[in-house]
Amino acid sequence: MANYAKLTDWLNNPQRLLMTFKEMEHILEEHLPESALKYRAWWANEVDSHQSRAWRAAGWEVESVDLKAEEVAFRRKTPGPSV
């Protein structure tokens, strides 16, 4: 098990997550809107969009989106400076 401790640590705290649109729809238990399938802007990390608030509230940002492959890559947000 010691050989795989780093893997265990990473799986407990991943820094990047690749998800297909189908996987996201499975989690949501509904289809993504057409705009998510057609427009990269839907995946923007904007504060005022409902979908962005969901992943940002969980500590993630969209790193990249591939509309053709129907995949989105999330990355952990880096914490800002403490005040």
PDB file of N, CA and C in Angstrom:
ATOM      1  N   MET A   1       0.813  -1.198   0.000  1.00  0.00           N
ATOM      2  CA  MET A   1       0.000   0.000   0.000  1.00  0.00           C
ATOM      3  C   MET A   1       0.857   1.262   0.000  1.00  0.00           C
ATOM      4  N   ALA A   2       1.998   1.244   0.668  1.00  0.00           N
ATOM      5  CA  ALA A   2       2.849   2.435   0.746  1.00  0.00           C
ATOM      6  C   ALA A   2       3.251   2.932  -0.639  1.00  0.00           C
ATOM      7  N   ASN A   3       3.422   2.020  -1.590  1.00  0.00           N
ATOM      8  CA  ASN A   3       3.785   2.414  -2.948  1.00  0.00           C
ATOM      9  C   ASN A   3       2.730   3.311  -3.575  1.00  0.00           C
ATOM     10  N   TYR A   4       1.513   3.162  -3.148  1.00  0.00           N
ATOM     11  CA  TYR A   4       0.408   3.881  -3.762  1.00  0.00           C
ATOM     12  C   TYR A   4      -0.134   5.001  -2.881  1.00  0.00           C
ATOM     13  N   ALA A   5       0.587   5.371  -1.850  1.00  0.00           N
ATOM     14  CA  ALA A   5       0.136   6.423  -0.933  1.00  0.00           C
ATOM     15  C   ALA A   5      -0.067   7.750  -1.659  1.00  0.00           C
ATOM     16  N   LYS A   6       0.812   8.076  -2.600  1.00  0.00           N
ATOM     17  CA  LYS A   6       0.664   9.317  -3.352  1.00  0.00           C
ATOM     18  C   LYS A   6      -0.617   9.301  -4.184  1.00  0.00           C
ATOM     19  N   LEU A   7      -0.935   8.144  -4.743  1.00  0.00           N
ATOM     20  CA  LEU A   7      -2.177   8.026  -5.498  1.00  0.00           C
ATOM     21  C   LEU A   7      -3.374   8.221  -4.575  1.00  0.00           C
ATOM     22  N   THR A   8      -3.343   7.615  -3.418  1.00  0.00           N
ATOM     23  CA  THR A   8      -4.417   7.779  -2.440  1.00  0.00           C
ATOM     24  C   THR A   8      -4.570   9.244  -2.068  1.00  0.00           C
ATOM     25  N   ASP A   9      -3.461   9.926  -1.797  1.00  0.00           N
ATOM     26  CA  ASP A   9      -3.501  11.343  -1.444  1.00  0.00           C
ATOM     27  C   ASP A   9      -4.119  12.165  -2.571  1.00  0.00           C
ATOM     28  N   TRP A  10      -3.692  11.896  -3.808  1.00  0.00           N
ATOM     29  CA  TRP A  10      -4.222  12.646  -4.944  1.00  0.00           C
ATOM     30  C   TRP A  10      -5.714  12.395  -5.122  1.00  0.00           C
ATOM     31  N   LEU A  11      -6.128  11.159  -5.016  1.00  0.00           N
ATOM     32  CA  LEU A  11      -7.548  10.845  -5.182  1.00  0.00           C
ATOM     33  C   LEU A  11      -8.400  11.483  -4.088  1.00  0.00           C
ATOM     34  N   ASN A  12      -7.819  11.674  -2.917  1.00  0.00           N
ATOM     35  CA  ASN A  12      -8.534  12.349  -1.841  1.00  0.00           C
ATOM     36  C   ASN A  12      -8.581  13.855  -2.040  1.00  0.00           C
ATOM     37  N   ASN A  13      -7.696  14.389  -2.861  1.00  0.00           N
ATOM     38  CA  ASN A  13      -7.624  15.834  -3.076  1.00  0.00           C
ATOM     39  C   ASN A  13      -7.152  16.122  -4.495  1.00  0.00           C
ATOM     40  N   PRO A  14      -7.965  15.774  -5.495  1.00  0.00           N
ATOM     41  CA  PRO A  14      -7.512  15.974  -6.877  1.00  0.00           C
ATOM     42  C   PRO A  14      -7.391  17.454  -7.224  1.00  0.00           C
ATOM     43  N   GLN A  15      -6.447  17.767  -8.082  1.00  0.00           N
ATOM     44  CA  GLN A  15      -6.244  19.136  -8.538  1.00  0.00           C
ATOM     45  C   GLN A  15      -6.881  19.369  -9.908  1.00  0.00           C
ATOM     46  N   ARG A  16      -7.205  18.275 -10.602  1.00  0.00           N
ATOM     47  CA  ARG A  16      -7.781  18.376 -11.943  1.00  0.00           C
ATOM     48  C   ARG A  16      -8.792  17.260 -12.109  1.00  0.00           C
ATOM     49  N   LEU A  17      -9.869  17.568 -12.807  1.00  0.00           N
ATOM     50  CA  LEU A  17     -10.929  16.595 -13.018  1.00  0.00           C
ATOM     51  C   LEU A  17     -11.425  16.731 -14.446  1.00  0.00           C
ATOM     52  N   LEU A  18     -11.413  15.653 -15.202  1.00  0.00           N
ATOM     53  CA  LEU A  18     -11.931  15.629 -16.555  1.00  0.00           C
ATOM     54  C   LEU A  18     -13.278  14.926 -16.524  1.00  0.00           C
ATOM     55  N   MET A  19     -14.285  15.574 -17.082  1.00  0.00           N
ATOM     56  CA  MET A  19     -15.631  15.033 -17.037  1.00  0.00           C
ATOM     57  C   MET A  19     -16.274  15.161 -18.415  1.00  0.00           C
ATOM     58  N   THR A  20     -16.963  14.116 -18.830  1.00  0.00           N
ATOM     59  CA  THR A  20     -17.718  14.206 -20.078  1.00  0.00           C
ATOM     60  C   THR A  20     -19.045  14.901 -19.800  1.00  0.00           C
ATOM     61  N   PHE A  21     -19.626  15.436 -20.844  1.00  0.00           N
ATOM     62  CA  PHE A  21     -20.936  16.057 -20.691  1.00  0.00           C
ATOM     63  C   PHE A  21     -21.957  15.015 -20.229  1.00  0.00           C
ATOM     64  N   LYS A  22     -21.832  13.794 -20.723  1.00  0.00           N
ATOM     65  CA  LYS A  22     -22.755  12.719 -20.319  1.00  0.00           C
ATOM     66  C   LYS A  22     -22.635  12.434 -18.830  1.00  0.00           C
ATOM     67  N   GLU A  23     -21.415  12.434 -18.309  1.00  0.00           N
ATOM     68  CA  GLU A  23     -21.226  12.222 -16.867  1.00  0.00           C
ATOM     69  C   GLU A  23     -21.889  13.341 -16.064  1.00  0.00           C
ATOM     70  N   MET A  24     -21.750  14.563 -16.548  1.00  0.00           N
ATOM     71  CA  MET A  24     -22.374  15.678 -15.860  1.00  0.00           C
ATOM     72  C   MET A  24     -23.900  15.560 -15.906  1.00  0.00           C
ATOM     73  N   GLU A  25     -24.433  15.170 -17.046  1.00  0.00           N
ATOM     74  CA  GLU A  25     -25.873  14.988 -17.163  1.00  0.00           C
ATOM     75  C   GLU A  25     -26.367  13.883 -16.231  1.00  0.00           C
ATOM     76  N   HIS A  26     -25.571  12.848 -16.067  1.00  0.00           N
ATOM     77  CA  HIS A  26     -25.927  11.772 -15.148  1.00  0.00           C
ATOM     78  C   HIS A  26     -26.024  12.307 -13.714  1.00  0.00           C
ATOM     79  N   ILE A  27     -25.073  13.132 -13.332  1.00  0.00           N
ATOM     80  CA  ILE A  27     -25.076  13.717 -11.990  1.00  0.00           C
ATOM     81  C   ILE A  27     -26.267  14.654 -11.816  1.00  0.00           C
ATOM     82  N   LEU A  28     -26.518  15.474 -12.833  1.00  0.00           N
ATOM     83  CA  LEU A  28     -27.611  16.442 -12.774  1.00  0.00           C
ATOM     84  C   LEU A  28     -28.988  15.799 -12.907  1.00  0.00           C
ATOM     85  N   GLU A  29     -29.002  14.595 -13.468  1.00  0.00           N
ATOM     86  CA  GLU A  29     -30.242  13.884 -13.771  1.00  0.00           C
ATOM     87  C   GLU A  29     -31.112  14.673 -14.745  1.00  0.00           C
ATOM     88  N   GLU A  30     -30.452  15.370 -15.662  1.00  0.00           N
ATOM     89  CA  GLU A  30     -31.126  16.081 -16.743  1.00  0.00           C
ATOM     90  C   GLU A  30     -30.092  16.439 -17.805  1.00  0.00           C
ATOM     91  N   HIS A  31     -30.583  16.785 -18.986  1.00  0.00           N
ATOM     92  CA  HIS A  31     -29.686  17.154 -20.077  1.00  0.00           C
ATOM     93  C   HIS A  31     -29.134  18.557 -19.865  1.00  0.00           C
ATOM     94  N   LEU A  32     -27.924  18.763 -20.330  1.00  0.00           N
ATOM     95  CA  LEU A  32     -27.368  20.109 -20.348  1.00  0.00           C
ATOM     96  C   LEU A  32     -28.131  20.927 -21.385  1.00  0.00           C
ATOM     97  N   PRO A  33     -28.206  22.228 -21.211  1.00  0.00           N
ATOM     98  CA  PRO A  33     -28.891  23.053 -22.213  1.00  0.00           C
ATOM     99  C   PRO A  33     -28.112  23.057 -23.534  1.00  0.00           C
ATOM    100  N   GLU A  34     -28.823  23.334 -24.616  1.00  0.00           N
ATOM    101  CA  GLU A  34     -28.191  23.388 -25.943  1.00  0.00           C
ATOM    102  C   GLU A  34     -26.994  24.339 -25.957  1.00  0.00           C
ATOM    103  N   SER A  35     -27.101  25.443 -25.231  1.00  0.00           N
ATOM    104  CA  SER A  35     -26.005  26.425 -25.220  1.00  0.00           C
ATOM    105  C   SER A  35     -24.718  25.820 -24.657  1.00  0.00           C
ATOM    106  N   ALA A  36     -24.819  24.875 -23.729  1.00  0.00           N
ATOM    107  CA  ALA A  36     -23.631  24.218 -23.177  1.00  0.00           C
ATOM    108  C   ALA A  36     -22.950  23.342 -24.220  1.00  0.00           C
ATOM    109  N   LEU A  37     -23.729  22.824 -25.148  1.00  0.00           N
ATOM    110  CA  LEU A  37     -23.191  21.953 -26.190  1.00  0.00           C
ATOM    111  C   LEU A  37     -22.617  22.737 -27.364  1.00  0.00           C
ATOM    112  N   LYS A  38     -23.044  23.996 -27.514  1.00  0.00           N
ATOM    113  CA  LYS A  38     -22.659  24.786 -28.690  1.00  0.00           C
ATOM    114  C   LYS A  38     -21.674  25.916 -28.409  1.00  0.00           C
ATOM    115  N   TYR A  39     -21.718  26.481 -27.208  1.00  0.00           N
ATOM    116  CA  TYR A  39     -20.972  27.711 -26.946  1.00  0.00           C
ATOM    117  C   TYR A  39     -19.996  27.560 -25.786  1.00  0.00           C
ATOM    118  N   ARG A  40     -18.747  27.825 -26.084  1.00  0.00           N
ATOM    119  CA  ARG A  40     -17.696  27.779 -25.074  1.00  0.00           C
ATOM    120  C   ARG A  40     -17.984  28.763 -23.937  1.00  0.00           C
ATOM    121  N   ALA A  41     -18.639  29.868 -24.255  1.00  0.00           N
ATOM    122  CA  ALA A  41     -18.932  30.899 -23.251  1.00  0.00           C
ATOM    123  C   ALA A  41     -19.800  30.365 -22.107  1.00  0.00           C
ATOM    124  N   TRP A  42     -20.607  29.347 -22.359  1.00  0.00           N
ATOM    125  CA  TRP A  42     -21.445  28.777 -21.303  1.00  0.00           C
ATOM    126  C   TRP A  42     -20.580  28.246 -20.169  1.00  0.00           C
ATOM    127  N   TRP A  43     -19.370  27.817 -20.481  1.00  0.00           N
ATOM    128  CA  TRP A  43     -18.458  27.200 -19.516  1.00  0.00           C
ATOM    129  C   TRP A  43     -17.539  28.211 -18.837  1.00  0.00           C
ATOM    130  N   ALA A  44     -17.740  29.488 -19.111  1.00  0.00           N
ATOM    131  CA  ALA A  44     -16.881  30.528 -18.520  1.00  0.00           C
ATOM    132  C   ALA A  44     -17.032  30.540 -17.001  1.00  0.00           C
ATOM    133  N   ASN A  45     -15.986  30.951 -16.336  1.00  0.00           N
ATOM    134  CA  ASN A  45     -15.968  31.014 -14.871  1.00  0.00           C
ATOM    135  C   ASN A  45     -16.511  32.352 -14.373  1.00  0.00           C
ATOM    136  N   GLU A  46     -17.645  32.761 -14.934  1.00  0.00           N
ATOM    137  CA  GLU A  46     -18.246  34.038 -14.571  1.00  0.00           C
ATOM    138  C   GLU A  46     -19.002  33.913 -13.259  1.00  0.00           C
ATOM    139  N   VAL A  47     -18.933  34.947 -12.478  1.00  0.00           N
ATOM    140  CA  VAL A  47     -19.552  34.944 -11.157  1.00  0.00           C
ATOM    141  C   VAL A  47     -21.073  34.913 -11.249  1.00  0.00           C
ATOM    142  N   ASP A  48     -21.644  35.512 -12.281  1.00  0.00           N
ATOM    143  CA  ASP A  48     -23.090  35.670 -12.322  1.00  0.00           C
ATOM    144  C   ASP A  48     -23.860  34.537 -13.012  1.00  0.00           C
ATOM    145  N   SER A  49     -23.213  33.495 -13.481  1.00  0.00           N
ATOM    146  CA  SER A  49     -23.945  32.390 -14.109  1.00  0.00           C
ATOM    147  C   SER A  49     -24.233  31.297 -13.083  1.00  0.00           C
ATOM    148  N   HIS A  50     -25.412  30.709 -13.193  1.00  0.00           N
ATOM    149  CA  HIS A  50     -25.819  29.666 -12.241  1.00  0.00           C
ATOM    150  C   HIS A  50     -24.864  28.473 -12.273  1.00  0.00           C
ATOM    151  N   GLN A  51     -24.502  28.030 -13.476  1.00  0.00           N
ATOM    152  CA  GLN A  51     -23.642  26.859 -13.576  1.00  0.00           C
ATOM    153  C   GLN A  51     -22.248  27.148 -13.014  1.00  0.00           C
ATOM    154  N   SER A  52     -21.723  28.318 -13.288  1.00  0.00           N
ATOM    155  CA  SER A  52     -20.400  28.663 -12.774  1.00  0.00           C
ATOM    156  C   SER A  52     -20.414  28.756 -11.250  1.00  0.00           C
ATOM    157  N   ARG A  53     -21.477  29.299 -10.699  1.00  0.00           N
ATOM    158  CA  ARG A  53     -21.579  29.365  -9.235  1.00  0.00           C
ATOM    159  C   ARG A  53     -21.509  27.975  -8.619  1.00  0.00           C
ATOM    160  N   ALA A  54     -22.069  26.984  -9.304  1.00  0.00           N
ATOM    161  CA  ALA A  54     -22.079  25.614  -8.770  1.00  0.00           C
ATOM    162  C   ALA A  54     -20.667  25.063  -8.650  1.00  0.00           C
ATOM    163  N   TRP A  55     -19.886  25.130  -9.725  1.00  0.00           N
ATOM    164  CA  TRP A  55     -18.533  24.555  -9.636  1.00  0.00           C
ATOM    165  C   TRP A  55     -17.598  25.446  -8.825  1.00  0.00           C
ATOM    166  N   ARG A  56     -17.811  26.760  -8.861  1.00  0.00           N
ATOM    167  CA  ARG A  56     -16.950  27.649  -8.070  1.00  0.00           C
ATOM    168  C   ARG A  56     -17.219  27.484  -6.574  1.00  0.00           C
ATOM    169  N   ALA A  57     -18.469  27.241  -6.207  1.00  0.00           N
ATOM    170  CA  ALA A  57     -18.807  27.022  -4.794  1.00  0.00           C
ATOM    171  C   ALA A  57     -18.141  25.769  -4.247  1.00  0.00           C
ATOM    172  N   ALA A  58     -17.876  24.811  -5.131  1.00  0.00           N
ATOM    173  CA  ALA A  58     -17.212  23.574  -4.724  1.00  0.00           C
ATOM    174  C   ALA A  58     -15.686  23.696  -4.800  1.00  0.00           C
ATOM    175  N   GLY A  59     -15.177  24.886  -5.182  1.00  0.00           N
ATOM    176  CA  GLY A  59     -13.732  25.106  -5.209  1.00  0.00           C
ATOM    177  C   GLY A  59     -13.070  24.771  -6.533  1.00  0.00           C
ATOM    178  N   TRP A  60     -13.838  24.748  -7.614  1.00  0.00           N
ATOM    179  CA  TRP A  60     -13.299  24.395  -8.934  1.00  0.00           C
ATOM    180  C   TRP A  60     -13.514  25.527  -9.929  1.00  0.00           C
ATOM    181  N   GLU A  61     -12.700  25.526 -10.992  1.00  0.00           N
ATOM    182  CA  GLU A  61     -12.852  26.411 -12.142  1.00  0.00           C
ATOM    183  C   GLU A  61     -12.729  25.562 -13.396  1.00  0.00           C
ATOM    184  N   VAL A  62     -13.371  26.011 -14.461  1.00  0.00           N
ATOM    185  CA  VAL A  62     -13.199  25.325 -15.740  1.00  0.00           C
ATOM    186  C   VAL A  62     -11.819  25.696 -16.264  1.00  0.00           C
ATOM    187  N   GLU A  63     -11.043  24.675 -16.562  1.00  0.00           N
ATOM    188  CA  GLU A  63      -9.704  24.863 -17.133  1.00  0.00           C
ATOM    189  C   GLU A  63      -9.790  24.896 -18.647  1.00  0.00           C
ATOM    190  N   SER A  64     -10.566  23.965 -19.213  1.00  0.00           N
ATOM    191  CA  SER A  64     -10.742  23.899 -20.662  1.00  0.00           C
ATOM    192  C   SER A  64     -12.027  23.152 -20.969  1.00  0.00           C
ATOM    193  N   VAL A  65     -12.527  23.383 -22.166  1.00  0.00           N
ATOM    194  CA  VAL A  65     -13.718  22.667 -22.620  1.00  0.00           C
ATOM    195  C   VAL A  65     -13.498  22.278 -24.074  1.00  0.00           C
ATOM    196  N   ASP A  66     -13.880  21.059 -24.412  1.00  0.00           N
ATOM    197  CA  ASP A  66     -13.776  20.558 -25.778  1.00  0.00           C
ATOM    198  C   ASP A  66     -15.194  20.226 -26.235  1.00  0.00           C
ATOM    199  N   LEU A  67     -15.788  21.138 -27.008  1.00  0.00           N
ATOM    200  CA  LEU A  67     -17.167  20.949 -27.438  1.00  0.00           C
ATOM    201  C   LEU A  67     -17.314  19.755 -28.375  1.00  0.00           C
ATOM    202  N   LYS A  68     -16.318  19.516 -29.208  1.00  0.00           N
ATOM    203  CA  LYS A  68     -16.384  18.387 -30.139  1.00  0.00           C
ATOM    204  C   LYS A  68     -16.354  17.058 -29.384  1.00  0.00           C
ATOM    205  N   ALA A  69     -15.458  16.925 -28.410  1.00  0.00           N
ATOM    206  CA  ALA A  69     -15.342  15.691 -27.621  1.00  0.00           C
ATOM    207  C   ALA A  69     -16.365  15.645 -26.485  1.00  0.00           C
ATOM    208  N   GLU A  70     -17.050  16.766 -26.261  1.00  0.00           N
ATOM    209  CA  GLU A  70     -18.020  16.889 -25.167  1.00  0.00           C
ATOM    210  C   GLU A  70     -17.395  16.538 -23.816  1.00  0.00           C
ATOM    211  N   GLU A  71     -16.293  17.250 -23.528  1.00  0.00           N
ATOM    212  CA  GLU A  71     -15.568  17.077 -22.269  1.00  0.00           C
ATOM    213  C   GLU A  71     -15.221  18.435 -21.683  1.00  0.00           C
ATOM    214  N   VAL A  72     -15.200  18.474 -20.372  1.00  0.00           N
ATOM    215  CA  VAL A  72     -14.781  19.685 -19.663  1.00  0.00           C
ATOM    216  C   VAL A  72     -13.747  19.277 -18.618  1.00  0.00           C
ATOM    217  N   ALA A  73     -12.702  20.077 -18.509  1.00  0.00           N
ATOM    218  CA  ALA A  73     -11.666  19.848 -17.502  1.00  0.00           C
ATOM    219  C   ALA A  73     -11.796  20.934 -16.448  1.00  0.00           C
ATOM    220  N   PHE A  74     -11.902  20.513 -15.196  1.00  0.00           N
ATOM    221  CA  PHE A  74     -11.943  21.430 -14.059  1.00  0.00           C
ATOM    222  C   PHE A  74     -10.604  21.378 -13.350  1.00  0.00           C
ATOM    223  N   ARG A  75     -10.228  22.486 -12.719  1.00  0.00           N
ATOM    224  CA  ARG A  75      -9.033  22.529 -11.866  1.00  0.00           C
ATOM    225  C   ARG A  75      -9.426  23.163 -10.542  1.00  0.00           C
ATOM    226  N   ARG A  76      -8.750  22.752  -9.496  1.00  0.00           N
ATOM    227  CA  ARG A  76      -8.975  23.333  -8.171  1.00  0.00           C
ATOM    228  C   ARG A  76      -8.585  24.804  -8.224  1.00  0.00           C
ATOM    229  N   LYS A  77      -9.417  25.642  -7.640  1.00  0.00           N
ATOM    230  CA  LYS A  77      -9.072  27.053  -7.528  1.00  0.00           C
ATOM    231  C   LYS A  77      -7.951  27.188  -6.521  1.00  0.00           C
ATOM    232  N   THR A  78      -7.019  28.040  -6.832  1.00  0.00           N
ATOM    233  CA  THR A  78      -5.959  28.294  -5.865  1.00  0.00           C
ATOM    234  C   THR A  78      -6.471  29.312  -4.872  1.00  0.00           C
ATOM    235  N   PRO A  79      -6.265  29.071  -3.602  1.00  0.00           N
ATOM    236  CA  PRO A  79      -6.759  30.033  -2.614  1.00  0.00           C
ATOM    237  C   PRO A  79      -6.077  31.377  -2.773  1.00  0.00           C
ATOM    238  N   GLY A  80      -6.839  32.423  -2.579  1.00  0.00           N
ATOM    239  CA  GLY A  80      -6.285  33.764  -2.648  1.00  0.00           C
ATOM    240  C   GLY A  80      -5.473  34.075  -1.412  1.00  0.00           C
ATOM    241  N   PRO A  81      -4.826  35.217  -1.401  1.00  0.00           N
ATOM    242  CA  PRO A  81      -4.036  35.592  -0.228  1.00  0.00           C
ATOM    243  C   PRO A  81      -4.950  35.788   0.976  1.00  0.00           C
ATOM    244  N   SER A  82      -4.498  35.328   2.118  1.00  0.00           N
ATOM    245  CA  SER A  82      -5.298  35.508   3.326  1.00  0.00           C
ATOM    246  C   SER A  82      -5.149  36.922   3.836  1.00  0.00           C
ATOM    247  N   VAL A  83      -6.250  37.449   4.313  1.00  0.00           N
ATOM    248  CA  VAL A  83      -6.270  38.830   4.771  1.00  0.00           C
ATOM    249  C   VAL A  83      -6.217  38.888   6.274  1.00  0.00           C
TER     250      VAL A  83
END
